[in-house]
Amino acid sequence: IGSYSLAKYTTVDVPLALRRGRNTLVWKIRNLFP
């Protein structure tokens, strides 16, 4: 869908095109300092 910056702590508004039935959204987070 796209790439975003959590570090900058801004409000993000993302359009999603859902299909009929179940839709799966995966959040791939890259944290350099866990």
PDB file of all heavy atoms in Angstrom:
ATOM      1  N   ILE A   1       0.834  -1.202   0.000  1.00  0.00           N
ATOM      2  CA  ILE A   1       0.000   0.000   0.000  1.00  0.00           C
ATOM      3  C   ILE A   1       0.869   1.252   0.000  1.00  0.00           C
ATOM      4  O   ILE A   1       0.619   2.213  -0.711  1.00  0.00           O
ATOM      5  CB  ILE A   1      -0.928   0.022   1.221  1.00  0.00           C
ATOM      6  CG1 ILE A   1      -1.912  -1.143   1.150  1.00  0.00           C
ATOM      7  CG2 ILE A   1      -1.686   1.339   1.308  1.00  0.00           C
ATOM      8  CD1 ILE A   1      -2.845  -1.094  -0.046  1.00  0.00           C
ATOM      9  N   GLY A   2       1.915   1.241   0.804  1.00  0.00           N
ATOM     10  CA  GLY A   2       2.796   2.397   0.877  1.00  0.00           C
ATOM     11  C   GLY A   2       3.737   2.309   2.057  1.00  0.00           C
ATOM     12  O   GLY A   2       3.639   1.393   2.888  1.00  0.00           O
ATOM     13  N   SER A   3       4.677   3.273   2.118  1.00  0.00           N
ATOM     14  CA  SER A   3       5.640   3.360   3.215  1.00  0.00           C
ATOM     15  C   SER A   3       5.429   4.673   3.957  1.00  0.00           C
ATOM     16  O   SER A   3       5.140   5.708   3.332  1.00  0.00           O
ATOM     17  CB  SER A   3       7.075   3.282   2.678  1.00  0.00           C
ATOM     18  OG  SER A   3       7.307   2.037   2.034  1.00  0.00           O
ATOM     19  N   TYR A   4       5.636   4.638   5.285  1.00  0.00           N
ATOM     20  CA  TYR A   4       5.304   5.783   6.126  1.00  0.00           C
ATOM     21  C   TYR A   4       6.340   5.906   7.249  1.00  0.00           C
ATOM     22  O   TYR A   4       7.083   4.963   7.537  1.00  0.00           O
ATOM     23  CB  TYR A   4       3.900   5.619   6.712  1.00  0.00           C
ATOM     24  CG  TYR A   4       2.887   5.230   5.657  1.00  0.00           C
ATOM     25  CD1 TYR A   4       2.589   3.887   5.405  1.00  0.00           C
ATOM     26  CD2 TYR A   4       2.269   6.202   4.878  1.00  0.00           C
ATOM     27  CE1 TYR A   4       1.686   3.524   4.423  1.00  0.00           C
ATOM     28  CE2 TYR A   4       1.362   5.847   3.881  1.00  0.00           C
ATOM     29  CZ  TYR A   4       1.080   4.506   3.653  1.00  0.00           C
ATOM     30  OH  TYR A   4       0.206   4.151   2.659  1.00  0.00           O
ATOM     31  N   SER A   5       6.361   7.080   7.864  1.00  0.00           N
ATOM     32  CA  SER A   5       7.308   7.336   8.953  1.00  0.00           C
ATOM     33  C   SER A   5       6.570   7.441  10.279  1.00  0.00           C
ATOM     34  O   SER A   5       5.835   8.403  10.512  1.00  0.00           O
ATOM     35  CB  SER A   5       8.091   8.629   8.694  1.00  0.00           C
ATOM     36  OG  SER A   5       8.917   8.934   9.800  1.00  0.00           O
ATOM     37  N   LEU A   6       6.763   6.456  11.130  1.00  0.00           N
ATOM     38  CA  LEU A   6       6.242   6.548  12.489  1.00  0.00           C
ATOM     39  C   LEU A   6       7.083   7.502  13.329  1.00  0.00           C
ATOM     40  O   LEU A   6       6.567   8.175  14.219  1.00  0.00           O
ATOM     41  CB  LEU A   6       6.222   5.165  13.132  1.00  0.00           C
ATOM     42  CG  LEU A   6       5.273   4.129  12.522  1.00  0.00           C
ATOM     43  CD1 LEU A   6       5.435   2.783  13.225  1.00  0.00           C
ATOM     44  CD2 LEU A   6       3.834   4.603  12.601  1.00  0.00           C
ATOM     45  N   ALA A   7       8.383   7.568  13.041  1.00  0.00           N
ATOM     46  CA  ALA A   7       9.279   8.408  13.835  1.00  0.00           C
ATOM     47  C   ALA A   7       8.862   9.868  13.794  1.00  0.00           C
ATOM     48  O   ALA A   7       9.058  10.602  14.764  1.00  0.00           O
ATOM     49  CB  ALA A   7      10.717   8.252  13.336  1.00  0.00           C
ATOM     50  N   LYS A   8       8.248  10.309  12.690  1.00  0.00           N
ATOM     51  CA  LYS A   8       7.856  11.718  12.576  1.00  0.00           C
ATOM     52  C   LYS A   8       6.524  12.009  13.254  1.00  0.00           C
ATOM     53  O   LYS A   8       6.116  13.165  13.355  1.00  0.00           O
ATOM     54  CB  LYS A   8       7.819  12.124  11.101  1.00  0.00           C
ATOM     55  CG  LYS A   8       9.208  12.096  10.466  1.00  0.00           C
ATOM     56  CD  LYS A   8       9.178  12.466   8.987  1.00  0.00           C
ATOM     57  CE  LYS A   8      10.582  12.420   8.398  1.00  0.00           C
ATOM     58  NZ  LYS A   8      10.576  12.727   6.946  1.00  0.00           N
ATOM     59  N   TYR A   9       5.817  10.985  13.690  1.00  0.00           N
ATOM     60  CA  TYR A   9       4.608  11.110  14.506  1.00  0.00           C
ATOM     61  C   TYR A   9       3.608  12.094  13.890  1.00  0.00           C
ATOM     62  O   TYR A   9       3.219  13.088  14.497  1.00  0.00           O
ATOM     63  CB  TYR A   9       4.968  11.528  15.926  1.00  0.00           C
ATOM     64  CG  TYR A   9       3.808  11.439  16.905  1.00  0.00           C
ATOM     65  CD1 TYR A   9       3.096  10.256  17.062  1.00  0.00           C
ATOM     66  CD2 TYR A   9       3.438  12.529  17.674  1.00  0.00           C
ATOM     67  CE1 TYR A   9       2.033  10.180  17.956  1.00  0.00           C
ATOM     68  CE2 TYR A   9       2.386  12.462  18.575  1.00  0.00           C
ATOM     69  CZ  TYR A   9       1.678  11.275  18.710  1.00  0.00           C
ATOM     70  OH  TYR A   9       0.627  11.201  19.588  1.00  0.00           O
ATOM     71  N   THR A  10       3.183  11.798  12.685  1.00  0.00           N
ATOM     72  CA  THR A  10       2.171  12.598  12.007  1.00  0.00           C
ATOM     73  C   THR A  10       0.915  11.748  11.810  1.00  0.00           C
ATOM     74  O   THR A  10       0.964  10.515  11.845  1.00  0.00           O
ATOM     75  CB  THR A  10       2.671  13.083  10.644  1.00  0.00           C
ATOM     76  OG1 THR A  10       3.070  11.948   9.853  1.00  0.00           O
ATOM     77  CG2 THR A  10       3.858  14.024  10.805  1.00  0.00           C
ATOM     78  N   THR A  11      -0.215  12.406  11.603  1.00  0.00           N
ATOM     79  CA  THR A  11      -1.452  11.689  11.321  1.00  0.00           C
ATOM     80  C   THR A  11      -1.467  11.299   9.842  1.00  0.00           C
ATOM     81  O   THR A  11      -1.282  12.149   8.966  1.00  0.00           O
ATOM     82  CB  THR A  11      -2.675  12.566  11.638  1.00  0.00           C
ATOM     83  OG1 THR A  11      -2.651  12.899  13.034  1.00  0.00           O
ATOM     84  CG2 THR A  11      -3.964  11.820  11.327  1.00  0.00           C
ATOM     85  N   VAL A  12      -1.670  10.016   9.585  1.00  0.00           N
ATOM     86  CA  VAL A  12      -1.616   9.473   8.223  1.00  0.00           C
ATOM     87  C   VAL A  12      -3.019   9.024   7.820  1.00  0.00           C
ATOM     88  O   VAL A  12      -3.710   8.348   8.581  1.00  0.00           O
ATOM     89  CB  VAL A  12      -0.628   8.288   8.134  1.00  0.00           C
ATOM     90  CG1 VAL A  12      -0.564   7.749   6.707  1.00  0.00           C
ATOM     91  CG2 VAL A  12       0.759   8.716   8.612  1.00  0.00           C
ATOM     92  N   ASP A  13      -3.419   9.391   6.613  1.00  0.00           N
ATOM     93  CA  ASP A  13      -4.737   9.038   6.074  1.00  0.00           C
ATOM     94  C   ASP A  13      -4.507   8.239   4.796  1.00  0.00           C
ATOM     95  O   ASP A  13      -4.035   8.783   3.792  1.00  0.00           O
ATOM     96  CB  ASP A  13      -5.538  10.308   5.789  1.00  0.00           C
ATOM     97  CG  ASP A  13      -7.016  10.026   5.519  1.00  0.00           C
ATOM     98  OD1 ASP A  13      -7.307   8.972   4.912  1.00  0.00           O
ATOM     99  OD2 ASP A  13      -7.864  10.858   5.890  1.00  0.00           O
ATOM    100  N   VAL A  14      -4.799   6.928   4.839  1.00  0.00           N
ATOM    101  CA  VAL A  14      -4.473   6.026   3.736  1.00  0.00           C
ATOM    102  C   VAL A  14      -5.755   5.453   3.136  1.00  0.00           C
ATOM    103  O   VAL A  14      -6.565   4.857   3.851  1.00  0.00           O
ATOM    104  CB  VAL A  14      -3.575   4.863   4.231  1.00  0.00           C
ATOM    105  CG1 VAL A  14      -3.176   3.969   3.065  1.00  0.00           C
ATOM    106  CG2 VAL A  14      -2.350   5.395   4.950  1.00  0.00           C
ATOM    107  N   PRO A  15      -5.972   5.600   1.810  1.00  0.00           N
ATOM    108  CA  PRO A  15      -7.124   4.952   1.178  1.00  0.00           C
ATOM    109  C   PRO A  15      -6.880   3.448   1.018  1.00  0.00           C
ATOM    110  O   PRO A  15      -5.795   3.020   0.627  1.00  0.00           O
ATOM    111  CB  PRO A  15      -7.217   5.644  -0.186  1.00  0.00           C
ATOM    112  CG  PRO A  15      -5.821   6.107  -0.469  1.00  0.00           C
ATOM    113  CD  PRO A  15      -5.200   6.424   0.859  1.00  0.00           C
ATOM    114  N   LEU A  16      -7.884   2.659   1.344  1.00  0.00           N
ATOM    115  CA  LEU A  16      -7.803   1.204   1.193  1.00  0.00           C
ATOM    116  C   LEU A  16      -8.942   0.730   0.289  1.00  0.00           C
ATOM    117  O   LEU A  16     -10.096   1.109   0.501  1.00  0.00           O
ATOM    118  CB  LEU A  16      -7.918   0.509   2.554  1.00  0.00           C
ATOM    119  CG  LEU A  16      -6.855   0.802   3.619  1.00  0.00           C
ATOM    120  CD1 LEU A  16      -7.170   0.002   4.884  1.00  0.00           C
ATOM    121  CD2 LEU A  16      -5.461   0.475   3.111  1.00  0.00           C
ATOM    122  N   ALA A  17      -8.605  -0.074  -0.699  1.00  0.00           N
ATOM    123  CA  ALA A  17      -9.620  -0.669  -1.574  1.00  0.00           C
ATOM    124  C   ALA A  17      -9.877  -2.094  -1.089  1.00  0.00           C
ATOM    125  O   ALA A  17      -9.087  -3.007  -1.344  1.00  0.00           O
ATOM    126  CB  ALA A  17      -9.142  -0.667  -3.022  1.00  0.00           C
ATOM    127  N   LEU A  18     -10.975  -2.279  -0.360  1.00  0.00           N
ATOM    128  CA  LEU A  18     -11.291  -3.584   0.206  1.00  0.00           C
ATOM    129  C   LEU A  18     -12.009  -4.449  -0.828  1.00  0.00           C
ATOM    130  O   LEU A  18     -12.816  -3.966  -1.615  1.00  0.00           O
ATOM    131  CB  LEU A  18     -12.175  -3.427   1.441  1.00  0.00           C
ATOM    132  CG  LEU A  18     -11.625  -2.575   2.594  1.00  0.00           C
ATOM    133  CD1 LEU A  18     -12.615  -2.576   3.751  1.00  0.00           C
ATOM    134  CD2 LEU A  18     -10.253  -3.046   3.043  1.00  0.00           C
ATOM    135  N   ARG A  19     -11.720  -5.726  -0.777  1.00  0.00           N
ATOM    136  CA  ARG A  19     -12.453  -6.678  -1.604  1.00  0.00           C
ATOM    137  C   ARG A  19     -13.574  -7.299  -0.770  1.00  0.00           C
ATOM    138  O   ARG A  19     -13.624  -7.116   0.451  1.00  0.00           O
ATOM    139  CB  ARG A  19     -11.516  -7.756  -2.121  1.00  0.00           C
ATOM    140  CG  ARG A  19     -10.927  -8.649  -1.032  1.00  0.00           C
ATOM    141  CD  ARG A  19      -9.804  -9.511  -1.569  1.00  0.00           C
ATOM    142  NE  ARG A  19      -9.274 -10.395  -0.526  1.00  0.00           N
ATOM    143  CZ  ARG A  19      -8.160 -11.111  -0.667  1.00  0.00           C
ATOM    144  NH1 ARG A  19      -7.442 -11.014  -1.793  1.00  0.00           N
ATOM    145  NH2 ARG A  19      -7.744 -11.905   0.315  1.00  0.00           N
ATOM    146  N   ARG A  20     -14.441  -8.012  -1.413  1.00  0.00           N
ATOM    147  CA  ARG A  20     -15.534  -8.675  -0.695  1.00  0.00           C
ATOM    148  C   ARG A  20     -14.962  -9.766   0.216  1.00  0.00           C
ATOM    149  O   ARG A  20     -14.053 -10.495  -0.168  1.00  0.00           O
ATOM    150  CB  ARG A  20     -16.518  -9.289  -1.684  1.00  0.00           C
ATOM    151  CG  ARG A  20     -17.691  -9.994  -1.023  1.00  0.00           C
ATOM    152  CD  ARG A  20     -18.615 -10.562  -2.066  1.00  0.00           C
ATOM    153  NE  ARG A  20     -19.756 -11.236  -1.441  1.00  0.00           N
ATOM    154  CZ  ARG A  20     -20.736 -11.822  -2.138  1.00  0.00           C
ATOM    155  NH1 ARG A  20     -20.706 -11.800  -3.480  1.00  0.00           N
ATOM    156  NH2 ARG A  20     -21.733 -12.402  -1.497  1.00  0.00           N
ATOM    157  N   GLY A  21     -15.502  -9.827   1.433  1.00  0.00           N
ATOM    158  CA  GLY A  21     -15.059 -10.854   2.375  1.00  0.00           C
ATOM    159  C   GLY A  21     -13.978 -10.337   3.305  1.00  0.00           C
ATOM    160  O   GLY A  21     -13.937  -9.156   3.652  1.00  0.00           O
ATOM    161  N   ARG A  22     -13.079 -11.223   3.669  1.00  0.00           N
ATOM    162  CA  ARG A  22     -12.045 -10.859   4.633  1.00  0.00           C
ATOM    163  C   ARG A  22     -10.859 -10.213   3.933  1.00  0.00           C
ATOM    164  O   ARG A  22     -10.347 -10.715   2.935  1.00  0.00           O
ATOM    165  CB  ARG A  22     -11.580 -12.101   5.403  1.00  0.00           C
ATOM    166  CG  ARG A  22     -10.402 -11.816   6.352  1.00  0.00           C
ATOM    167  CD  ARG A  22     -10.089 -12.989   7.236  1.00  0.00           C
ATOM    168  NE  ARG A  22     -11.195 -13.225   8.176  1.00  0.00           N
ATOM    169  CZ  ARG A  22     -11.170 -14.135   9.141  1.00  0.00           C
ATOM    170  NH1 ARG A  22     -10.095 -14.918   9.288  1.00  0.00           N
ATOM    171  NH2 ARG A  22     -12.196 -14.294   9.943  1.00  0.00           N
ATOM    172  N   ASN A  23     -10.398  -9.104   4.516  1.00  0.00           N
ATOM    173  CA  ASN A  23      -9.222  -8.388   4.026  1.00  0.00           C
ATOM    174  C   ASN A  23      -8.155  -8.394   5.121  1.00  0.00           C
ATOM    175  O   ASN A  23      -8.461  -8.145   6.288  1.00  0.00           O
ATOM    176  CB  ASN A  23      -9.571  -6.947   3.669  1.00  0.00           C
ATOM    177  CG  ASN A  23     -10.535  -6.855   2.509  1.00  0.00           C
ATOM    178  OD1 ASN A  23     -10.136  -6.675   1.366  1.00  0.00           O
ATOM    179  ND2 ASN A  23     -11.837  -6.996   2.785  1.00  0.00           N
ATOM    180  N   THR A  24      -6.928  -8.677   4.729  1.00  0.00           N
ATOM    181  CA  THR A  24      -5.823  -8.779   5.686  1.00  0.00           C
ATOM    182  C   THR A  24      -4.833  -7.650   5.461  1.00  0.00           C
ATOM    183  O   THR A  24      -4.298  -7.474   4.361  1.00  0.00           O
ATOM    184  CB  THR A  24      -5.101 -10.132   5.537  1.00  0.00           C
ATOM    185  OG1 THR A  24      -6.040 -11.193   5.729  1.00  0.00           O
ATOM    186  CG2 THR A  24      -3.981 -10.249   6.559  1.00  0.00           C
ATOM    187  N   LEU A  25      -4.608  -6.867   6.520  1.00  0.00           N
ATOM    188  CA  LEU A  25      -3.659  -5.757   6.470  1.00  0.00           C
ATOM    189  C   LEU A  25      -2.501  -6.077   7.409  1.00  0.00           C
ATOM    190  O   LEU A  25      -2.694  -6.293   8.603  1.00  0.00           O
ATOM    191  CB  LEU A  25      -4.339  -4.455   6.902  1.00  0.00           C
ATOM    192  CG  LEU A  25      -3.518  -3.169   6.806  1.00  0.00           C
ATOM    193  CD1 LEU A  25      -3.158  -2.851   5.356  1.00  0.00           C
ATOM    194  CD2 LEU A  25      -4.277  -1.998   7.432  1.00  0.00           C
ATOM    195  N   VAL A  26      -1.295  -6.133   6.835  1.00  0.00           N
ATOM    196  CA  VAL A  26      -0.093  -6.474   7.605  1.00  0.00           C
ATOM    197  C   VAL A  26       0.749  -5.217   7.811  1.00  0.00           C
ATOM    198  O   VAL A  26       0.989  -4.447   6.867  1.00  0.00           O
ATOM    199  CB  VAL A  26       0.730  -7.556   6.887  1.00  0.00           C
ATOM    200  CG1 VAL A  26       1.992  -7.888   7.694  1.00  0.00           C
ATOM    201  CG2 VAL A  26      -0.102  -8.812   6.667  1.00  0.00           C
ATOM    202  N   TRP A  27       1.205  -5.016   9.060  1.00  0.00           N
ATOM    203  CA  TRP A  27       2.014  -3.859   9.431  1.00  0.00           C
ATOM    204  C   TRP A  27       3.468  -4.310   9.597  1.00  0.00           C
ATOM    205  O   TRP A  27       3.821  -4.995  10.553  1.00  0.00           O
ATOM    206  CB  TRP A  27       1.507  -3.259  10.740  1.00  0.00           C
ATOM    207  CG  TRP A  27       0.081  -2.804  10.667  1.00  0.00           C
ATOM    208  CD1 TRP A  27      -1.023  -3.584  10.490  1.00  0.00           C
ATOM    209  CD2 TRP A  27      -0.391  -1.454  10.745  1.00  0.00           C
ATOM    210  NE1 TRP A  27      -2.163  -2.824  10.460  1.00  0.00           N
ATOM    211  CE2 TRP A  27      -1.816  -1.509  10.613  1.00  0.00           C
ATOM    212  CE3 TRP A  27       0.221  -0.218  10.915  1.00  0.00           C
ATOM    213  CZ2 TRP A  27      -2.601  -0.356  10.647  1.00  0.00           C
ATOM    214  CZ3 TRP A  27      -0.562   0.929  10.959  1.00  0.00           C
ATOM    215  CH2 TRP A  27      -1.955   0.845  10.829  1.00  0.00           C
ATOM    216  N   LYS A  28       4.306  -3.938   8.637  1.00  0.00           N
ATOM    217  CA  LYS A  28       5.724  -4.303   8.671  1.00  0.00           C
ATOM    218  C   LYS A  28       6.511  -3.125   9.246  1.00  0.00           C
ATOM    219  O   LYS A  28       6.684  -2.098   8.598  1.00  0.00           O
ATOM    220  CB  LYS A  28       6.212  -4.664   7.273  1.00  0.00           C
ATOM    221  CG  LYS A  28       5.513  -5.901   6.696  1.00  0.00           C
ATOM    222  CD  LYS A  28       6.131  -6.322   5.378  1.00  0.00           C
ATOM    223  CE  LYS A  28       5.527  -7.630   4.885  1.00  0.00           C
ATOM    224  NZ  LYS A  28       6.132  -8.078   3.605  1.00  0.00           N
ATOM    225  N   ILE A  29       6.969  -3.297  10.477  1.00  0.00           N
ATOM    226  CA  ILE A  29       7.598  -2.212  11.229  1.00  0.00           C
ATOM    227  C   ILE A  29       9.107  -2.434  11.305  1.00  0.00           C
ATOM    228  O   ILE A  29       9.565  -3.531  11.640  1.00  0.00           O
ATOM    229  CB  ILE A  29       7.010  -2.139  12.649  1.00  0.00           C
ATOM    230  CG1 ILE A  29       5.483  -1.984  12.581  1.00  0.00           C
ATOM    231  CG2 ILE A  29       7.631  -0.991  13.440  1.00  0.00           C
ATOM    232  CD1 ILE A  29       4.791  -2.196  13.914  1.00  0.00           C
ATOM    233  N   ARG A  30       9.861  -1.385  10.988  1.00  0.00           N
ATOM    234  CA  ARG A  30      11.327  -1.446  11.093  1.00  0.00           C
ATOM    235  C   ARG A  30      11.770  -0.538  12.246  1.00  0.00           C
ATOM    236  O   ARG A  30      11.844   0.684  12.088  1.00  0.00           O
ATOM    237  CB  ARG A  30      11.979  -1.000   9.780  1.00  0.00           C
ATOM    238  CG  ARG A  30      11.674  -1.915   8.608  1.00  0.00           C
ATOM    239  CD  ARG A  30      12.361  -1.449   7.332  1.00  0.00           C
ATOM    240  NE  ARG A  30      11.848  -0.166   6.872  1.00  0.00           N
ATOM    241  CZ  ARG A  30      10.738  -0.031   6.152  1.00  0.00           C
ATOM    242  NH1 ARG A  30      10.019  -1.101   5.830  1.00  0.00           N
ATOM    243  NH2 ARG A  30      10.340   1.170   5.753  1.00  0.00           N
ATOM    244  N   ASN A  31      12.029  -1.119  13.372  1.00  0.00           N
ATOM    245  CA  ASN A  31      12.452  -0.380  14.561  1.00  0.00           C
ATOM    246  C   ASN A  31      13.947  -0.626  14.765  1.00  0.00           C
ATOM    247  O   ASN A  31      14.364  -1.751  15.045  1.00  0.00           O
ATOM    248  CB  ASN A  31      11.643  -0.835  15.775  1.00  0.00           C
ATOM    249  CG  ASN A  31      11.943  -0.014  17.018  1.00  0.00           C
ATOM    250  OD1 ASN A  31      13.072   0.380  17.261  1.00  0.00           O
ATOM    251  ND2 ASN A  31      10.919   0.238  17.827  1.00  0.00           N
ATOM    252  N   LEU A  32      14.757   0.431  14.620  1.00  0.00           N
ATOM    253  CA  LEU A  32      16.208   0.290  14.740  1.00  0.00           C
ATOM    254  C   LEU A  32      16.676   0.181  16.182  1.00  0.00           C
ATOM    255  O   LEU A  32      17.800  -0.254  16.437  1.00  0.00           O
ATOM    256  CB  LEU A  32      16.903   1.489  14.083  1.00  0.00           C
ATOM    257  CG  LEU A  32      16.657   1.674  12.588  1.00  0.00           C
ATOM    258  CD1 LEU A  32      17.371   2.928  12.092  1.00  0.00           C
ATOM    259  CD2 LEU A  32      17.103   0.452  11.809  1.00  0.00           C
ATOM    260  N   PHE A  33      15.812   0.573  17.126  1.00  0.00           N
ATOM    261  CA  PHE A  33      16.215   0.608  18.532  1.00  0.00           C
ATOM    262  C   PHE A  33      15.154  -0.040  19.416  1.00  0.00           C
ATOM    263  O   PHE A  33      14.559   0.630  20.274  1.00  0.00           O
ATOM    264  CB  PHE A  33      16.454   2.042  18.983  1.00  0.00           C
ATOM    265  CG  PHE A  33      17.348   2.843  18.090  1.00  0.00           C
ATOM    266  CD1 PHE A  33      16.810   3.808  17.248  1.00  0.00           C
ATOM    267  CD2 PHE A  33      18.717   2.644  18.086  1.00  0.00           C
ATOM    268  CE1 PHE A  33      17.616   4.570  16.419  1.00  0.00           C
ATOM    269  CE2 PHE A  33      19.542   3.397  17.266  1.00  0.00           C
ATOM    270  CZ  PHE A  33      18.994   4.357  16.420  1.00  0.00           C
ATOM    271  N   PRO A  34      14.849  -1.319  19.234  1.00  0.00           N
ATOM    272  CA  PRO A  34      13.819  -1.941  20.077  1.00  0.00           C
ATOM    273  C   PRO A  34      14.239  -1.942  21.545  1.00  0.00           C
ATOM    274  O   PRO A  34      15.424  -2.081  21.871  1.00  0.00           O
ATOM    275  CB  PRO A  34      13.725  -3.359  19.521  1.00  0.00           C
ATOM    276  CG  PRO A  34      15.033  -3.607  18.842  1.00  0.00           C
ATOM    277  CD  PRO A  34      15.466  -2.282  18.295  1.00  0.00           C
TER     278      PRO A  34
END
